[in-house]
């Protein structure tokens, strides 16, 4: 639950909190709640969002921040999330995430729009509870992420986007080196670097069809290319896999109604 307000048509403020979803809700969504990997929030997690934006003729600019902070108890295999966590035995770990983001858009003319987006994320965790359940994990870890994207839109129908995504953080052999091919990190590092090329087609939603207010569709073709994955460019998992072998093509369909 959150509450929000906007002041002077420029400043947006929002604050509130999160709690665990109910077991019944999780089961309703088809989640395996007995051996899940999710941690349980202890006492609620606080959330905030604030930004400032301004329109200058054909230009729009926004700067903001949002984040989440709270304590969690580790999910132990065989226990039911939110019900059988032994907080008295393991204690809790604290997690915080802080994001900075910005957006600039320019309506070049009636048919063309240009947009640039940037986001920086910093996650930190004090592993008090995990020290009790996972020998070798660091007492604290940090993870950072930078994302920069540029996008050109034509006639509100065609989008062409390029993005760069860079992740780096504390090396932790117990956290990131799971000893498995593909997903593991031989040096315990989460560092990754990737590039995105995306083409979108939006056929509806421009006032030409009776269904426009109720039915919007986006068809996307994405290609992600990795120059670094889980801490290395070559043999990052210790089983001979290279970062470039994770390059992936996606076909994505979004429907809003």
Protein backbone atom coordinates (compact mmCIF):
# COMPACT_ATOMS: atom_id res chain seq x y z
CA UNK A 1 0.00 0.00 0.00
CA UNK A 2 1.34 3.41 -0.96
CA UNK A 3 0.11 7.01 -1.05
CA UNK A 4 1.19 9.65 -3.55
CA UNK A 5 0.79 13.30 -4.44
CA UNK A 6 2.00 15.70 -7.11
CA UNK A 7 2.77 19.31 -6.21
CA UNK A 8 2.86 22.31 -8.57
CA UNK A 9 2.65 19.89 -11.51
CA UNK A 10 6.40 19.23 -11.12
CA UNK A 11 7.14 17.33 -7.91
CA UNK A 12 5.89 13.78 -7.37
CA UNK A 13 6.12 12.06 -3.97
CA UNK A 14 5.09 8.53 -3.05
CA UNK A 15 5.70 6.41 0.04
CA UNK A 16 4.37 3.20 1.46
CA UNK A 17 5.26 -0.39 2.21
CA UNK A 18 5.24 -4.02 1.12
CA UNK A 19 4.56 -7.24 2.98
CA UNK A 20 4.69 -10.91 2.01
CA UNK A 21 2.03 -12.24 -0.31
CA UNK A 22 -0.22 -14.79 1.29
CA UNK A 23 0.46 -18.48 0.82
CA UNK A 24 -2.97 -18.89 -0.79
CA UNK A 25 -2.20 -16.14 -3.30
CA UNK A 26 1.13 -17.73 -4.18
CA UNK A 27 -0.49 -21.09 -4.72
CA UNK A 28 -3.19 -19.44 -6.81
CA UNK A 29 -0.48 -18.12 -9.12
CA UNK A 30 1.00 -21.59 -9.39
CA UNK A 31 4.07 -21.03 -7.21
CA UNK A 32 5.63 -24.00 -5.45
CA UNK A 33 5.42 -22.61 -1.94
CA UNK A 34 7.06 -25.50 -0.10
CA UNK A 35 10.52 -25.37 -1.67
CA UNK A 36 10.61 -21.79 -2.95
CA UNK A 37 13.73 -19.66 -3.09
CA UNK A 38 12.09 -16.42 -1.96
CA UNK A 39 12.97 -14.78 1.32
CA UNK A 40 10.29 -13.60 3.75
CA UNK A 41 9.90 -9.93 4.63
CA UNK A 42 10.02 -9.41 8.39
CA UNK A 43 8.03 -6.45 9.70
CA UNK A 44 7.31 -4.92 6.28
CA UNK A 45 9.53 -3.19 3.70
CA UNK A 46 9.42 0.56 3.10
CA UNK A 47 9.14 1.99 -0.43
CA UNK A 48 9.57 5.52 -1.77
CA UNK A 49 9.40 7.31 -5.12
CA UNK A 50 10.20 10.96 -5.85
CA UNK A 51 10.81 12.81 -9.11
CA UNK A 52 10.78 16.24 -10.71
CA UNK A 53 9.73 16.84 -14.29
CA UNK A 54 9.35 19.83 -16.60
CA UNK A 55 8.05 20.46 -20.10
CA UNK A 56 9.89 22.99 -22.27
CA UNK A 57 7.91 23.26 -25.49
CA UNK A 58 8.76 20.10 -27.45
CA UNK A 59 11.16 18.93 -24.71
CA UNK A 60 10.38 16.96 -21.56
CA UNK A 61 12.89 16.16 -18.82
CA UNK A 62 12.63 14.12 -15.61
CA UNK A 63 14.96 13.27 -12.71
CA UNK A 64 14.00 10.95 -9.88
CA UNK A 65 14.78 8.32 -7.30
CA UNK A 66 13.01 5.28 -5.86
CA UNK A 67 13.93 2.49 -3.51
CA UNK A 68 13.04 -0.24 -1.06
CA UNK A 69 14.42 -1.16 2.35
CA UNK A 70 13.60 -3.91 4.82
CA UNK A 71 14.65 -6.98 6.78
CA UNK A 72 14.28 -10.51 5.43
CA UNK A 73 14.58 -14.04 6.79
CA UNK A 74 16.15 -16.69 4.53
CA UNK A 75 13.92 -19.33 3.01
CA UNK A 76 15.10 -22.76 4.14
CA UNK A 77 14.25 -25.69 1.84
CA UNK A 78 11.26 -27.64 3.12
CA UNK A 79 9.73 -24.71 4.98
CA UNK A 80 6.77 -22.66 3.80
CA UNK A 81 7.61 -19.01 3.00
CA UNK A 82 6.21 -16.58 5.53
CA UNK A 83 5.17 -19.32 7.93
CA UNK A 84 8.00 -21.53 9.21
CA UNK A 85 11.02 -19.23 9.09
CA UNK A 86 13.12 -19.64 12.20
CA UNK A 87 13.95 -15.98 12.76
CA UNK A 88 14.95 -16.74 16.33
CA UNK A 89 17.59 -19.16 15.02
CA UNK A 90 18.93 -17.36 11.96
CA UNK A 91 18.09 -13.73 12.68
CA UNK A 92 17.36 -11.44 9.76
CA UNK A 93 19.35 -9.82 6.97
CA UNK A 94 18.80 -6.24 5.89
CA UNK A 95 18.38 -5.32 2.23
CA UNK A 96 18.27 -1.89 0.62
CA UNK A 97 17.89 -0.80 -2.98
CA UNK A 98 18.30 2.79 -4.19
CA UNK A 99 17.64 3.83 -7.80
CA UNK A 100 18.39 7.06 -9.62
CA UNK A 101 16.70 7.57 -12.97
CA UNK A 102 16.21 10.23 -15.62
CA UNK A 103 14.39 10.63 -18.89
CA UNK A 104 14.62 13.14 -21.73
CA UNK A 105 12.26 13.20 -24.71
CA UNK A 106 12.07 15.50 -27.70
CA UNK A 107 9.15 15.74 -30.13
CA UNK A 108 11.11 16.60 -33.28
CA UNK A 109 7.92 16.98 -35.34
CA UNK A 110 4.46 15.41 -35.62
CA UNK A 111 5.93 12.08 -36.73
CA UNK A 112 9.26 11.75 -34.95
CA UNK A 113 10.17 11.51 -31.26
CA UNK A 114 13.57 10.94 -29.67
CA UNK A 115 14.07 9.68 -26.11
CA UNK A 116 17.05 8.95 -23.83
CA UNK A 117 16.70 7.07 -20.52
CA UNK A 118 19.26 6.38 -17.79
CA UNK A 119 18.98 4.38 -14.55
CA UNK A 120 21.48 3.55 -11.83
CA UNK A 121 20.69 0.93 -9.16
CA UNK A 122 22.60 0.18 -5.96
CA UNK A 123 21.68 -2.86 -3.88
CA UNK A 124 23.25 -3.58 -0.51
CA UNK A 125 22.72 -6.41 1.94
CA UNK A 126 24.03 -7.23 5.41
CA UNK A 127 24.05 -11.01 5.50
CA UNK A 128 23.45 -11.63 9.21
CA UNK A 129 20.90 -14.40 8.62
CA UNK A 130 22.72 -15.93 5.67
CA UNK A 131 25.88 -16.30 7.75
CA UNK A 132 23.90 -18.80 9.82
CA UNK A 133 22.69 -20.84 6.84
CA UNK A 134 25.45 -20.48 4.22
CA UNK A 135 29.05 -20.84 5.36
CA UNK A 136 31.47 -18.65 3.46
CA UNK A 137 29.07 -15.89 2.42
CA UNK A 138 30.36 -12.35 2.91
CA UNK A 139 29.17 -10.37 5.92
CA UNK A 140 27.89 -7.76 3.45
CA UNK A 141 27.55 -7.46 -0.32
CA UNK A 142 26.78 -4.73 -2.83
CA UNK A 143 25.50 -4.88 -6.41
CA UNK A 144 25.36 -1.99 -8.90
CA UNK A 145 23.71 -1.62 -12.28
CA UNK A 146 23.90 1.06 -14.98
CA UNK A 147 21.42 1.15 -17.87
CA UNK A 148 21.45 3.67 -20.73
CA UNK A 149 18.92 3.54 -23.59
CA UNK A 150 18.23 5.70 -26.62
CA UNK A 151 15.03 5.31 -28.67
CA UNK A 152 13.59 6.80 -31.84
CA UNK A 153 9.84 6.56 -32.54
CA UNK A 154 8.19 7.17 -35.91
CA UNK A 155 4.46 7.92 -36.25
CA UNK A 156 3.85 6.39 -32.79
CA UNK A 157 4.10 3.05 -34.57
CA UNK A 158 7.74 2.07 -35.05
CA UNK A 159 10.47 2.14 -32.41
CA UNK A 160 14.20 1.57 -32.79
CA UNK A 161 16.15 1.32 -29.52
CA UNK A 162 19.76 0.75 -28.46
CA UNK A 163 20.77 0.09 -24.86
CA UNK A 164 23.83 -0.63 -22.75
CA UNK A 165 23.59 -2.51 -19.45
CA UNK A 166 26.51 -2.86 -17.02
CA UNK A 167 26.45 -4.73 -13.70
CA UNK A 168 29.19 -4.91 -11.09
CA UNK A 169 29.49 -5.73 -7.41
CA UNK A 170 31.17 -7.52 -4.54
CA UNK A 171 32.67 -10.90 -5.37
CA UNK A 172 31.12 -13.60 -3.16
CA UNK A 173 31.99 -17.23 -3.86
CA UNK A 174 29.16 -18.58 -1.68
CA UNK A 175 26.55 -16.34 -3.31
CA UNK A 176 27.46 -16.43 -7.01
CA UNK A 177 29.53 -19.58 -7.53
CA UNK A 178 26.88 -22.31 -7.45
CA UNK A 179 29.18 -24.82 -9.15
CA UNK A 180 26.83 -25.19 -12.11
CA UNK A 181 27.44 -24.59 -15.83
CA UNK A 182 25.78 -21.59 -17.50
CA UNK A 183 24.49 -19.96 -14.29
CA UNK A 184 27.65 -20.24 -12.15
CA UNK A 185 30.52 -17.81 -11.67
CA UNK A 186 33.93 -19.47 -11.35
CA UNK A 187 35.46 -16.41 -9.69
CA UNK A 188 32.38 -15.54 -7.61
CA UNK A 189 31.82 -12.25 -9.43
CA UNK A 190 28.44 -10.90 -10.61
CA UNK A 191 30.03 -8.50 -13.13
CA UNK A 192 28.32 -8.50 -16.53
CA UNK A 193 28.18 -6.23 -19.57
CA UNK A 194 25.61 -6.38 -22.38
CA UNK A 195 24.12 -4.47 -25.32
CA UNK A 196 20.57 -4.45 -26.68
CA UNK A 197 19.12 -3.74 -30.11
CA UNK A 198 15.31 -3.63 -30.22
CA UNK A 199 12.71 -3.01 -32.93
CA UNK A 200 9.05 -2.47 -31.95
CA UNK A 201 5.81 -2.31 -33.89
CA UNK A 202 2.68 -0.77 -32.28
CA UNK A 203 -0.27 -1.26 -34.66
CA UNK A 204 -3.10 0.17 -32.53
CA UNK A 205 -3.74 2.92 -29.97
CA UNK A 206 -3.57 5.96 -32.26
CA UNK A 207 -7.26 6.79 -32.64
CA UNK A 208 -7.76 4.99 -35.94
CA UNK A 209 -9.70 1.98 -34.63
CA UNK A 210 -12.77 1.67 -32.41
CA UNK A 211 -10.80 -0.68 -30.14
CA UNK A 212 -7.96 1.81 -29.54
CA UNK A 213 -9.00 2.88 -26.03
CA UNK A 214 -9.33 -0.74 -24.93
CA UNK A 215 -6.75 -2.76 -26.82
CA UNK A 216 -3.08 -1.91 -27.34
CA UNK A 217 -0.44 -4.25 -28.69
CA UNK A 218 3.34 -4.03 -28.98
CA UNK A 219 5.38 -6.53 -31.01
CA UNK A 220 9.09 -6.48 -30.25
CA UNK A 221 12.21 -8.13 -31.61
CA UNK A 222 15.19 -7.92 -29.24
CA UNK A 223 18.80 -9.04 -29.45
CA UNK A 224 21.01 -9.08 -26.34
CA UNK A 225 24.79 -9.41 -26.83
CA UNK A 226 27.13 -10.06 -23.88
CA UNK A 227 30.79 -9.02 -23.69
CA UNK A 228 31.06 -10.12 -20.04
CA UNK A 229 28.96 -12.51 -17.97
CA UNK A 230 29.27 -13.55 -14.30
CA UNK A 231 32.71 -12.02 -13.94
CA UNK A 232 34.55 -13.03 -17.12
CA UNK A 233 34.56 -12.97 -20.91
CA UNK A 234 35.79 -16.53 -21.42
CA UNK A 235 35.17 -19.66 -19.33
CA UNK A 236 33.15 -17.64 -16.82
CA UNK A 237 31.43 -20.68 -15.29
CA UNK A 238 34.51 -22.92 -15.05
CA UNK A 239 32.96 -25.33 -17.57
CA UNK A 240 34.29 -23.61 -20.70
CA UNK A 241 31.31 -21.35 -21.47
CA UNK A 242 32.02 -17.88 -22.85
CA UNK A 243 29.96 -14.73 -22.31
CA UNK A 244 29.06 -14.49 -26.01
CA UNK A 245 27.32 -17.88 -25.85
CA UNK A 246 24.55 -16.19 -23.84
CA UNK A 247 23.67 -13.85 -26.72
CA UNK A 248 19.92 -14.19 -27.15
CA UNK A 249 17.15 -13.19 -29.56
CA UNK A 250 13.69 -12.55 -28.09
CA UNK A 251 10.32 -12.10 -29.74
CA UNK A 252 8.03 -10.31 -27.28
CA UNK A 253 4.32 -9.55 -27.43
CA UNK A 254 2.67 -7.12 -24.97
CA UNK A 255 -1.09 -6.60 -24.93
CA UNK A 256 -2.69 -3.92 -22.71
CA UNK A 257 -6.45 -3.72 -22.40
